[in-house]
Protein backbone atom coordinates (compact mmCIF):
# COMPACT_ATOMS: atom_id res chain seq x y z
CA MET A 1 5.92 21.82 24.79
CA THR A 2 7.36 22.11 20.98
CA THR A 3 8.66 18.95 19.79
CA ARG A 4 11.68 19.61 17.03
CA THR A 5 12.39 17.26 14.40
CA SER A 6 15.75 17.29 12.72
CA VAL A 7 15.70 16.51 9.10
CA SER A 8 19.51 16.60 8.94
CA ASN A 9 19.21 13.31 10.79
CA THR A 10 17.00 11.60 8.30
CA ARG A 11 18.45 9.03 6.06
CA PHE A 12 16.74 8.18 2.95
CA ASN A 13 16.94 5.08 0.84
CA VAL A 14 17.58 4.78 -2.94
CA VAL A 15 13.85 4.81 -3.59
CA GLN A 16 12.89 7.40 -1.05
CA MET A 17 15.69 9.98 -2.83
CA HIS A 18 14.33 9.07 -6.39
CA LEU A 19 10.50 9.96 -5.31
CA LEU A 20 12.05 12.79 -3.80
CA LYS A 21 13.56 14.23 -6.80
CA MET A 22 10.43 13.13 -8.96
CA PHE A 23 8.23 15.54 -6.69
CA SER A 24 10.71 18.03 -6.74
CA HIS A 25 9.53 18.38 -10.67
CA THR A 26 6.12 18.56 -9.93
CA ARG A 27 4.79 22.14 -10.64
CA THR A 28 1.07 21.75 -10.89
CA GLN A 29 -1.36 20.22 -8.46
CA LYS A 30 -2.77 18.10 -11.63
CA SER A 31 0.87 16.82 -11.94
CA LEU A 32 1.12 15.84 -8.29
CA GLU A 33 -2.51 14.14 -8.48
CA ASP A 34 -1.23 12.04 -11.80
CA LEU A 35 1.85 11.04 -9.90
CA LYS A 36 0.33 10.19 -7.05
CA GLU A 37 -2.24 8.01 -9.05
CA LEU A 38 0.55 6.28 -10.91
CA LEU A 39 2.01 5.46 -7.80
CA ALA A 40 -0.91 4.14 -6.00
CA HIS A 41 -1.78 2.12 -9.39
CA TYR A 42 1.73 0.79 -8.94
CA TYR A 43 1.22 -0.65 -5.57
CA SER A 44 -1.97 -1.66 -5.93
CA ASP A 45 -0.75 -4.08 -8.98
CA LEU A 46 1.96 -5.29 -6.52
CA VAL A 47 -0.45 -6.45 -3.94
CA LYS A 48 -2.53 -8.03 -6.37
CA ASN A 49 0.16 -9.90 -8.18
CA GLU A 50 1.17 -11.38 -4.59
CA ALA A 51 -2.54 -12.18 -3.73
CA ASN A 52 -2.78 -13.83 -7.01
CA GLU A 53 0.80 -15.77 -6.36
CA ILE A 54 -0.38 -16.97 -2.93
CA TRP A 55 -4.02 -17.64 -4.06
CA ASP A 56 -2.22 -20.29 -6.80
CA SER A 57 0.14 -21.69 -4.48
CA LYS A 58 -2.61 -22.45 -2.17
CA GLY A 59 -4.77 -23.86 -4.95
CA LEU A 60 -7.58 -21.79 -3.54
CA THR A 61 -11.07 -21.80 -5.13
CA ASN A 62 -14.24 -19.18 -5.64
CA ASP A 63 -15.94 -21.54 -3.36
CA GLN A 64 -13.59 -21.79 -0.63
CA MET A 65 -13.08 -17.88 -1.03
CA ASP A 66 -16.59 -17.76 -0.26
CA GLU A 67 -16.46 -19.88 2.52
CA ILE A 68 -13.98 -17.63 4.39
CA LEU A 69 -15.87 -14.70 3.54
CA ASN A 70 -18.97 -15.75 5.22
CA THR A 71 -17.43 -17.36 8.21
CA HIS A 72 -17.67 -15.49 11.57
CA LYS A 73 -14.50 -15.70 13.32
CA ARG A 74 -15.49 -13.02 15.84
CA THR A 75 -15.41 -13.25 19.72
CA PRO A 76 -18.70 -13.75 20.91
CA TYR A 77 -19.87 -11.02 23.23
CA ASN A 78 -21.83 -11.97 26.50
CA ARG A 79 -24.48 -9.73 27.33
C-alpha cells in the first residue's frame, strides 16, 4: 500500500518559511554543510545557555553534578 502526503496541506510557520528560503539559495554541497553547521551551533548555544540558567538558578556545584553523574538510578534486574 502506498501512502501519499499532500504538501499543499502543510502549514509552515515564519521560521520554517525563512529557512526554506535560505536553503533554496544553497547551490553547493559545501554551502549546505556550512549552513547546517551554523544552525547546529546556534541551537547548541541555546541549549547551553538554558542549561547554565538552570544551573545558576538552582545553585548547583561541580561536586553536586559529579554526585548526580555517579549515582546509579537504574531499576535493578532480578536474575
